Amino acid sequence: MPSKNRNVPKSLVLTYISVFAALNAMADLIPFTPILGIPEASFRLGWILAPLTGVLLGKEMGGISCLIGGIIEIFLGVPPIFGFFTPLRPAISAFMTGMLVSRNWRMPVMTLLALISIWLLLPTGRGAYIVLLFHITGLAMILLLRGKIGDLVSSCDPKEGAWGLFLSTYCGNISRHIFGNILGATILNIQSIYFIYAMPYTIVEQLTFAIGTAIIGISLNRLRLSQFLQLD
């Protein structure tokens, strides 16, 4: 990925935030697969666009844009299945991905550790501790590679760039996933068995989301579009 632009006019920053908020809201209108245990809920294409927003706009602007997008989609008719907390999920994905791309790995580590700890404190979480395999894998990736994930994303080699996008997106989305699990267990009272049954679907979904984001990100880079969007 190209180096990031500095001193971007505030009007342009607001434009980027608004445009990507609208794009994320529209993406979350397109269902991908149903979510087991939650009637009328489904994974949506926003799982691909949210981390990409974090890559392109940076951790802060990307997170704010996805938060606004999450609020907009509620007004567009997407059910706020977790109430007030619903818009925070895409924001977490964008923020975590943006942090890793900017080589700030400590905050993602602390965030994932905190979410994993909260999950284990819940009776439902302890009953479905095996699902932490996905999140511990993400945590291990961050601890092993640290700032190298950002180096991969910034590499001029398309293959390295694709790997960097894949890793950062996976870690961002898996943080969103466990946050959603916590909300599902506490707000919706989803039982442990549903989280366990969903594991095969989770593998396919998370890999698909990460690969999709990597493909789109590399395509934008080849079109030289990403260099105009990276803000922080």
C-alpha atoms as a PDB file:
ATOM      1  CA  MET A   1       0.000   0.000   0.000  1.00  0.00           C
ATOM      2  CA  PRO A   2       1.217   3.524  -0.665  1.00  0.00           C
ATOM      3  CA  SER A   3       2.236   5.863   2.107  1.00  0.00           C
ATOM      4  CA  LYS A   4      -0.537   7.768   3.744  1.00  0.00           C
ATOM      5  CA  ASN A   5      -1.466  11.340   2.937  1.00  0.00           C
ATOM      6  CA  ARG A   6      -1.005  13.980   5.610  1.00  0.00           C
ATOM      7  CA  ASN A   7      -2.698  17.334   6.252  1.00  0.00           C
ATOM      8  CA  VAL A   8      -5.930  16.280   4.575  1.00  0.00           C
ATOM      9  CA  PRO A   9      -8.506  19.127   4.581  1.00  0.00           C
ATOM     10  CA  LYS A  10     -11.247  18.680   7.170  1.00  0.00           C
ATOM     11  CA  SER A  11     -13.910  19.002   4.493  1.00  0.00           C
ATOM     12  CA  LEU A  12     -12.391  16.069   2.621  1.00  0.00           C
ATOM     13  CA  VAL A  13     -12.169  14.023   5.818  1.00  0.00           C
ATOM     14  CA  LEU A  14     -15.872  14.639   6.486  1.00  0.00           C
ATOM     15  CA  THR A  15     -16.654  13.680   2.907  1.00  0.00           C
ATOM     16  CA  TYR A  16     -14.771  10.388   3.223  1.00  0.00           C
ATOM     17  CA  ILE A  17     -16.459   9.606   6.526  1.00  0.00           C
ATOM     18  CA  SER A  18     -19.894  10.350   5.078  1.00  0.00           C
ATOM     19  CA  VAL A  19     -19.334   8.369   1.882  1.00  0.00           C
ATOM     20  CA  PHE A  20     -18.006   5.293   3.674  1.00  0.00           C
ATOM     21  CA  ALA A  21     -20.728   5.523   6.319  1.00  0.00           C
ATOM     22  CA  ALA A  22     -23.297   5.349   3.511  1.00  0.00           C
ATOM     23  CA  LEU A  23     -21.440   2.508   1.795  1.00  0.00           C
ATOM     24  CA  ASN A  24     -21.252   0.508   5.019  1.00  0.00           C
ATOM     25  CA  ALA A  25     -24.940   1.080   5.695  1.00  0.00           C
ATOM     26  CA  MET A  26     -25.835  -0.157   2.209  1.00  0.00           C
ATOM     27  CA  ALA A  27     -23.506  -3.149   2.522  1.00  0.00           C
ATOM     28  CA  ASP A  28     -25.287  -4.180   5.699  1.00  0.00           C
ATOM     29  CA  LEU A  29     -28.544  -4.322   3.760  1.00  0.00           C
ATOM     30  CA  ILE A  30     -27.151  -7.247   1.729  1.00  0.00           C
ATOM     31  CA  PRO A  31     -27.377 -10.566   3.664  1.00  0.00           C
ATOM     32  CA  PHE A  32     -24.619 -13.165   3.392  1.00  0.00           C
ATOM     33  CA  THR A  33     -25.561 -16.107   5.633  1.00  0.00           C
ATOM     34  CA  PRO A  34     -28.040 -16.486   8.528  1.00  0.00           C
ATOM     35  CA  ILE A  35     -26.806 -16.363  12.128  1.00  0.00           C
ATOM     36  CA  LEU A  36     -27.671 -19.501  14.068  1.00  0.00           C
ATOM     37  CA  GLY A  37     -29.770 -18.860  17.155  1.00  0.00           C
ATOM     38  CA  ILE A  38     -30.843 -15.326  16.193  1.00  0.00           C
ATOM     39  CA  PRO A  39     -34.102 -15.237  14.182  1.00  0.00           C
ATOM     40  CA  GLU A  40     -34.116 -12.914  11.136  1.00  0.00           C
ATOM     41  CA  ALA A  41     -30.442 -12.018  11.660  1.00  0.00           C
ATOM     42  CA  SER A  42     -27.651 -12.684   9.185  1.00  0.00           C
ATOM     43  CA  PHE A  43     -24.032 -11.931   8.423  1.00  0.00           C
ATOM     44  CA  ARG A  44     -23.893  -9.181   5.814  1.00  0.00           C
ATOM     45  CA  LEU A  45     -21.459  -7.759   3.280  1.00  0.00           C
ATOM     46  CA  GLY A  46     -20.552  -5.089   5.803  1.00  0.00           C
ATOM     47  CA  TRP A  47     -18.197  -7.695   7.314  1.00  0.00           C
ATOM     48  CA  ILE A  48     -16.052  -7.135   4.220  1.00  0.00           C
ATOM     49  CA  LEU A  49     -16.441  -3.383   3.908  1.00  0.00           C
ATOM     50  CA  ALA A  50     -15.998  -2.446   7.597  1.00  0.00           C
ATOM     51  CA  PRO A  51     -12.377  -3.650   7.928  1.00  0.00           C
ATOM     52  CA  LEU A  52     -11.584  -2.219   4.488  1.00  0.00           C
ATOM     53  CA  THR A  53     -12.856   1.131   5.764  1.00  0.00           C
ATOM     54  CA  GLY A  54     -10.374   0.857   8.626  1.00  0.00           C
ATOM     55  CA  VAL A  55      -7.584   0.171   6.142  1.00  0.00           C
ATOM     56  CA  LEU A  56      -8.457   3.067   3.840  1.00  0.00           C
ATOM     57  CA  LEU A  57      -9.515   5.752   6.307  1.00  0.00           C
ATOM     58  CA  GLY A  58      -7.392   4.720   9.280  1.00  0.00           C
ATOM     59  CA  LYS A  59      -8.320   3.541  12.749  1.00  0.00           C
ATOM     60  CA  GLU A  60     -10.091   6.674  14.012  1.00  0.00           C
ATOM     61  CA  MET A  61     -11.886   7.897  10.895  1.00  0.00           C
ATOM     62  CA  GLY A  62     -12.669   4.342   9.844  1.00  0.00           C
ATOM     63  CA  GLY A  63     -14.158   3.522  13.221  1.00  0.00           C
ATOM     64  CA  ILE A  64     -16.245   6.714  13.278  1.00  0.00           C
ATOM     65  CA  SER A  65     -17.456   6.113   9.720  1.00  0.00           C
ATOM     66  CA  CYS A  66     -18.579   2.557  10.518  1.00  0.00           C
ATOM     67  CA  LEU A  67     -20.246   3.697  13.733  1.00  0.00           C
ATOM     68  CA  ILE A  68     -22.260   6.273  11.790  1.00  0.00           C
ATOM     69  CA  GLY A  69     -23.000   3.674   9.124  1.00  0.00           C
ATOM     70  CA  GLY A  70     -24.301   1.333  11.822  1.00  0.00           C
ATOM     71  CA  ILE A  71     -26.663   4.038  13.064  1.00  0.00           C
ATOM     72  CA  ILE A  72     -27.830   4.855   9.538  1.00  0.00           C
ATOM     73  CA  GLU A  73     -28.657   1.236   8.738  1.00  0.00           C
ATOM     74  CA  ILE A  74     -30.996   1.081  11.737  1.00  0.00           C
ATOM     75  CA  PHE A  75     -32.994   3.928  10.203  1.00  0.00           C
ATOM     76  CA  LEU A  76     -32.940   2.046   6.903  1.00  0.00           C
ATOM     77  CA  GLY A  77     -34.689  -0.902   8.495  1.00  0.00           C
ATOM     78  CA  VAL A  78     -31.907  -3.256   9.621  1.00  0.00           C
ATOM     79  CA  PRO A  79     -33.034  -4.674  12.999  1.00  0.00           C
ATOM     80  CA  PRO A  80     -30.823  -3.481  15.884  1.00  0.00           C
ATOM     81  CA  ILE A  81     -30.571  -6.982  17.323  1.00  0.00           C
ATOM     82  CA  PHE A  82     -28.269  -5.851  20.125  1.00  0.00           C
ATOM     83  CA  GLY A  83     -29.991  -2.551  20.790  1.00  0.00           C
ATOM     84  CA  PHE A  84     -27.723   0.387  21.574  1.00  0.00           C
ATOM     85  CA  PHE A  85     -24.604  -1.758  21.110  1.00  0.00           C
ATOM     86  CA  THR A  86     -25.413  -2.841  17.535  1.00  0.00           C
ATOM     87  CA  PRO A  87     -23.529  -0.020  15.705  1.00  0.00           C
ATOM     88  CA  LEU A  88     -20.402  -0.663  17.783  1.00  0.00           C
ATOM     89  CA  ARG A  89     -19.711  -3.998  16.072  1.00  0.00           C
ATOM     90  CA  PRO A  90     -18.589  -2.675  12.643  1.00  0.00           C
ATOM     91  CA  ALA A  91     -16.763   0.174  14.384  1.00  0.00           C
ATOM     92  CA  ILE A  92     -14.699  -2.349  16.375  1.00  0.00           C
ATOM     93  CA  SER A  93     -13.801  -4.209  13.185  1.00  0.00           C
ATOM     94  CA  ALA A  94     -12.673  -1.032  11.408  1.00  0.00           C
ATOM     95  CA  PHE A  95     -10.776   0.289  14.441  1.00  0.00           C
ATOM     96  CA  MET A  96      -8.920  -2.966  15.103  1.00  0.00           C
ATOM     97  CA  THR A  97      -8.001  -3.419  11.442  1.00  0.00           C
ATOM     98  CA  GLY A  98      -6.869   0.195  11.146  1.00  0.00           C
ATOM     99  CA  MET A  99      -4.716  -0.164  14.256  1.00  0.00           C
ATOM    100  CA  LEU A 100      -2.929  -3.217  12.869  1.00  0.00           C
ATOM    101  CA  VAL A 101      -2.388  -1.575   9.490  1.00  0.00           C
ATOM    102  CA  SER A 102      -0.833   1.432  11.262  1.00  0.00           C
ATOM    103  CA  ARG A 103       1.501  -0.980  13.123  1.00  0.00           C
ATOM    104  CA  ASN A 104      -0.102  -0.317  16.482  1.00  0.00           C
ATOM    105  CA  TRP A 105      -0.503  -3.886  17.737  1.00  0.00           C
ATOM    106  CA  ARG A 106      -0.648  -3.376  21.499  1.00  0.00           C
ATOM    107  CA  MET A 107      -4.184  -1.990  21.626  1.00  0.00           C
ATOM    108  CA  PRO A 108      -5.585  -4.858  19.493  1.00  0.00           C
ATOM    109  CA  VAL A 109      -3.859  -7.340  21.830  1.00  0.00           C
ATOM    110  CA  MET A 110      -5.350  -5.730  24.916  1.00  0.00           C
ATOM    111  CA  THR A 111      -8.773  -5.484  23.285  1.00  0.00           C
ATOM    112  CA  LEU A 112      -8.845  -9.141  22.265  1.00  0.00           C
ATOM    113  CA  LEU A 113      -7.560 -10.239  25.668  1.00  0.00           C
ATOM    114  CA  ALA A 114     -10.283  -8.233  27.378  1.00  0.00           C
ATOM    115  CA  LEU A 115     -13.011  -9.658  25.146  1.00  0.00           C
ATOM    116  CA  ILE A 116     -11.742 -13.218  25.613  1.00  0.00           C
ATOM    117  CA  SER A 117     -11.667 -12.696  29.389  1.00  0.00           C
ATOM    118  CA  ILE A 118     -15.235 -11.362  29.408  1.00  0.00           C
ATOM    119  CA  TRP A 119     -16.385 -14.371  27.377  1.00  0.00           C
ATOM    120  CA  LEU A 120     -14.823 -16.756  29.874  1.00  0.00           C
ATOM    121  CA  LEU A 121     -16.468 -14.931  32.780  1.00  0.00           C
ATOM    122  CA  LEU A 122     -19.904 -15.678  31.311  1.00  0.00           C
ATOM    123  CA  PRO A 123     -21.510 -19.060  32.042  1.00  0.00           C
ATOM    124  CA  THR A 124     -22.413 -19.326  28.352  1.00  0.00           C
ATOM    125  CA  GLY A 125     -18.855 -18.478  27.400  1.00  0.00           C
ATOM    126  CA  ARG A 126     -17.384 -21.126  29.662  1.00  0.00           C
ATOM    127  CA  GLY A 127     -19.822 -23.636  28.211  1.00  0.00           C
ATOM    128  CA  ALA A 128     -18.687 -22.723  24.698  1.00  0.00           C
ATOM    129  CA  TYR A 129     -15.014 -22.038  25.420  1.00  0.00           C
ATOM    130  CA  ILE A 130     -14.045 -24.018  22.326  1.00  0.00           C
ATOM    131  CA  VAL A 131     -15.208 -21.181  20.064  1.00  0.00           C
ATOM    132  CA  LEU A 132     -12.283 -19.154  21.398  1.00  0.00           C
ATOM    133  CA  LEU A 133     -10.133 -21.129  18.982  1.00  0.00           C
ATOM    134  CA  PHE A 134     -10.850 -18.442  16.361  1.00  0.00           C
ATOM    135  CA  HIS A 135     -10.073 -15.540  18.653  1.00  0.00           C
ATOM    136  CA  ILE A 136      -6.958 -17.060  20.216  1.00  0.00           C
ATOM    137  CA  THR A 137      -5.707 -17.701  16.689  1.00  0.00           C
ATOM    138  CA  GLY A 138      -6.155 -14.013  15.913  1.00  0.00           C
ATOM    139  CA  LEU A 139      -4.437 -13.038  19.156  1.00  0.00           C
ATOM    140  CA  ALA A 140      -1.519 -15.357  18.377  1.00  0.00           C
ATOM    141  CA  MET A 141      -1.181 -13.819  14.909  1.00  0.00           C
ATOM    142  CA  ILE A 142      -0.888 -10.344  16.392  1.00  0.00           C
ATOM    143  CA  LEU A 143       1.596 -11.369  19.074  1.00  0.00           C
ATOM    144  CA  LEU A 144       3.697 -13.277  16.564  1.00  0.00           C
ATOM    145  CA  LEU A 145       3.796 -10.649  13.807  1.00  0.00           C
ATOM    146  CA  ARG A 146       3.181  -7.422  15.736  1.00  0.00           C
ATOM    147  CA  GLY A 147       3.995  -4.452  13.494  1.00  0.00           C
ATOM    148  CA  LYS A 148       4.922  -6.750  10.616  1.00  0.00           C
ATOM    149  CA  ILE A 149       1.232  -6.959   9.694  1.00  0.00           C
ATOM    150  CA  GLY A 150       1.331  -3.267   8.826  1.00  0.00           C
ATOM    151  CA  ASP A 151       4.602  -3.781   6.956  1.00  0.00           C
ATOM    152  CA  LEU A 152       2.955  -6.460   4.827  1.00  0.00           C
ATOM    153  CA  VAL A 153       0.016  -4.197   3.999  1.00  0.00           C
ATOM    154  CA  SER A 154       2.429  -1.422   2.971  1.00  0.00           C
ATOM    155  CA  SER A 155       4.573  -3.745   0.864  1.00  0.00           C
ATOM    156  CA  CYS A 156       4.921  -3.089  -2.854  1.00  0.00           C
ATOM    157  CA  ASP A 157       4.646  -6.831  -3.405  1.00  0.00           C
ATOM    158  CA  PRO A 158       0.963  -7.636  -4.133  1.00  0.00           C
ATOM    159  CA  LYS A 159       1.266 -11.055  -2.489  1.00  0.00           C
ATOM    160  CA  GLU A 160       2.625  -9.591   0.747  1.00  0.00           C
ATOM    161  CA  GLY A 161      -0.010  -6.851   0.616  1.00  0.00           C
ATOM    162  CA  ALA A 162      -2.751  -9.455   0.216  1.00  0.00           C
ATOM    163  CA  TRP A 163      -1.448 -11.433   3.206  1.00  0.00           C
ATOM    164  CA  GLY A 164      -1.289  -8.277   5.312  1.00  0.00           C
ATOM    165  CA  LEU A 165      -4.867  -7.379   4.422  1.00  0.00           C
ATOM    166  CA  PHE A 166      -6.028 -10.928   5.091  1.00  0.00           C
ATOM    167  CA  LEU A 167      -4.389 -11.044   8.537  1.00  0.00           C
ATOM    168  CA  SER A 168      -5.482  -7.577   9.644  1.00  0.00           C
ATOM    169  CA  THR A 169      -9.042  -8.170   8.422  1.00  0.00           C
ATOM    170  CA  TYR A 170      -9.280 -11.540  10.148  1.00  0.00           C
ATOM    171  CA  CYS A 171      -8.110 -10.074  13.446  1.00  0.00           C
ATOM    172  CA  GLY A 172     -10.485  -7.104  13.108  1.00  0.00           C
ATOM    173  CA  ASN A 173     -13.510  -9.219  12.238  1.00  0.00           C
ATOM    174  CA  ILE A 174     -12.807 -11.878  14.842  1.00  0.00           C
ATOM    175  CA  SER A 175     -12.827  -9.085  17.459  1.00  0.00           C
ATOM    176  CA  ARG A 176     -16.222  -8.027  16.140  1.00  0.00           C
ATOM    177  CA  HIS A 177     -17.303 -11.661  16.263  1.00  0.00           C
ATOM    178  CA  ILE A 178     -16.502 -12.245  19.926  1.00  0.00           C
ATOM    179  CA  PHE A 179     -18.042  -8.887  20.851  1.00  0.00           C
ATOM    180  CA  GLY A 180     -21.204 -10.031  19.083  1.00  0.00           C
ATOM    181  CA  ASN A 181     -21.022 -13.368  20.904  1.00  0.00           C
ATOM    182  CA  ILE A 182     -20.845 -11.580  24.240  1.00  0.00           C
ATOM    183  CA  LEU A 183     -23.859  -9.452  23.326  1.00  0.00           C
ATOM    184  CA  GLY A 184     -25.723 -12.535  22.101  1.00  0.00           C
ATOM    185  CA  ALA A 185     -25.094 -14.383  25.346  1.00  0.00           C
ATOM    186  CA  THR A 186     -25.977 -11.460  27.623  1.00  0.00           C
ATOM    187  CA  ILE A 187     -28.708  -9.568  25.765  1.00  0.00           C
ATOM    188  CA  LEU A 188     -30.358 -12.362  23.754  1.00  0.00           C
ATOM    189  CA  ASN A 189     -29.586 -15.197  26.172  1.00  0.00           C
ATOM    190  CA  ILE A 190     -28.268 -17.434  23.389  1.00  0.00           C
ATOM    191  CA  GLN A 191     -27.194 -20.797  24.786  1.00  0.00           C
ATOM    192  CA  SER A 192     -23.716 -22.302  24.484  1.00  0.00           C
ATOM    193  CA  ILE A 193     -24.796 -25.036  22.091  1.00  0.00           C
ATOM    194  CA  TYR A 194     -25.661 -22.531  19.354  1.00  0.00           C
ATOM    195  CA  PHE A 195     -22.170 -21.021  19.429  1.00  0.00           C
ATOM    196  CA  ILE A 196     -20.667 -24.504  19.201  1.00  0.00           C
ATOM    197  CA  TYR A 197     -22.948 -25.562  16.335  1.00  0.00           C
ATOM    198  CA  ALA A 198     -22.006 -22.380  14.462  1.00  0.00           C
ATOM    199  CA  MET A 199     -18.272 -23.129  14.432  1.00  0.00           C
ATOM    200  CA  PRO A 200     -18.116 -24.764  10.962  1.00  0.00           C
ATOM    201  CA  TYR A 201     -20.003 -21.786   9.533  1.00  0.00           C
ATOM    202  CA  THR A 202     -17.714 -19.381  11.360  1.00  0.00           C
ATOM    203  CA  ILE A 203     -14.627 -20.888   9.707  1.00  0.00           C
ATOM    204  CA  VAL A 204     -16.069 -20.431   6.218  1.00  0.00           C
ATOM    205  CA  GLU A 205     -17.473 -16.986   6.932  1.00  0.00           C
ATOM    206  CA  GLN A 206     -14.355 -15.501   8.513  1.00  0.00           C
ATOM    207  CA  LEU A 207     -12.087 -16.831   5.779  1.00  0.00           C
ATOM    208  CA  THR A 208     -14.481 -15.541   3.112  1.00  0.00           C
ATOM    209  CA  PHE A 209     -14.672 -12.101   4.694  1.00  0.00           C
ATOM    210  CA  ALA A 210     -10.881 -11.826   5.039  1.00  0.00           C
ATOM    211  CA  ILE A 211     -10.216 -13.055   1.489  1.00  0.00           C
ATOM    212  CA  GLY A 212     -12.889 -10.731   0.099  1.00  0.00           C
ATOM    213  CA  THR A 213     -11.386  -7.708   1.822  1.00  0.00           C
ATOM    214  CA  ALA A 214      -7.885  -8.646   0.649  1.00  0.00           C
ATOM    215  CA  ILE A 215      -9.024  -8.978  -2.978  1.00  0.00           C
ATOM    216  CA  ILE A 216     -10.837  -5.640  -2.955  1.00  0.00           C
ATOM    217  CA  GLY A 217      -7.969  -3.908  -1.137  1.00  0.00           C
ATOM    218  CA  ILE A 218      -5.336  -5.136  -3.592  1.00  0.00           C
ATOM    219  CA  SER A 219      -7.592  -4.163  -6.502  1.00  0.00           C
ATOM    220  CA  LEU A 220      -7.940  -0.630  -5.130  1.00  0.00           C
ATOM    221  CA  ASN A 221      -4.189  -0.453  -4.653  1.00  0.00           C
ATOM    222  CA  ARG A 222      -3.528  -1.468  -8.245  1.00  0.00           C
ATOM    223  CA  LEU A 223      -5.942   1.226  -9.396  1.00  0.00           C
ATOM    224  CA  ARG A 224      -3.944   3.675  -7.258  1.00  0.00           C
ATOM    225  CA  LEU A 225      -7.112   4.645  -5.370  1.00  0.00           C
ATOM    226  CA  SER A 226      -6.027   3.687  -1.871  1.00  0.00           C
ATOM    227  CA  GLN A 227      -3.289   6.325  -1.736  1.00  0.00           C
ATOM    228  CA  PHE A 228      -5.901   9.069  -1.823  1.00  0.00           C
ATOM    229  CA  LEU A 229      -7.930   7.658   1.032  1.00  0.00           C
ATOM    230  CA  GLN A 230      -5.526   6.696   3.820  1.00  0.00           C
ATOM    231  CA  LEU A 231      -5.915   9.406   6.424  1.00  0.00           C
ATOM    232  CA  ASP A 232      -4.155   8.467   9.665  1.00  0.00           C
END
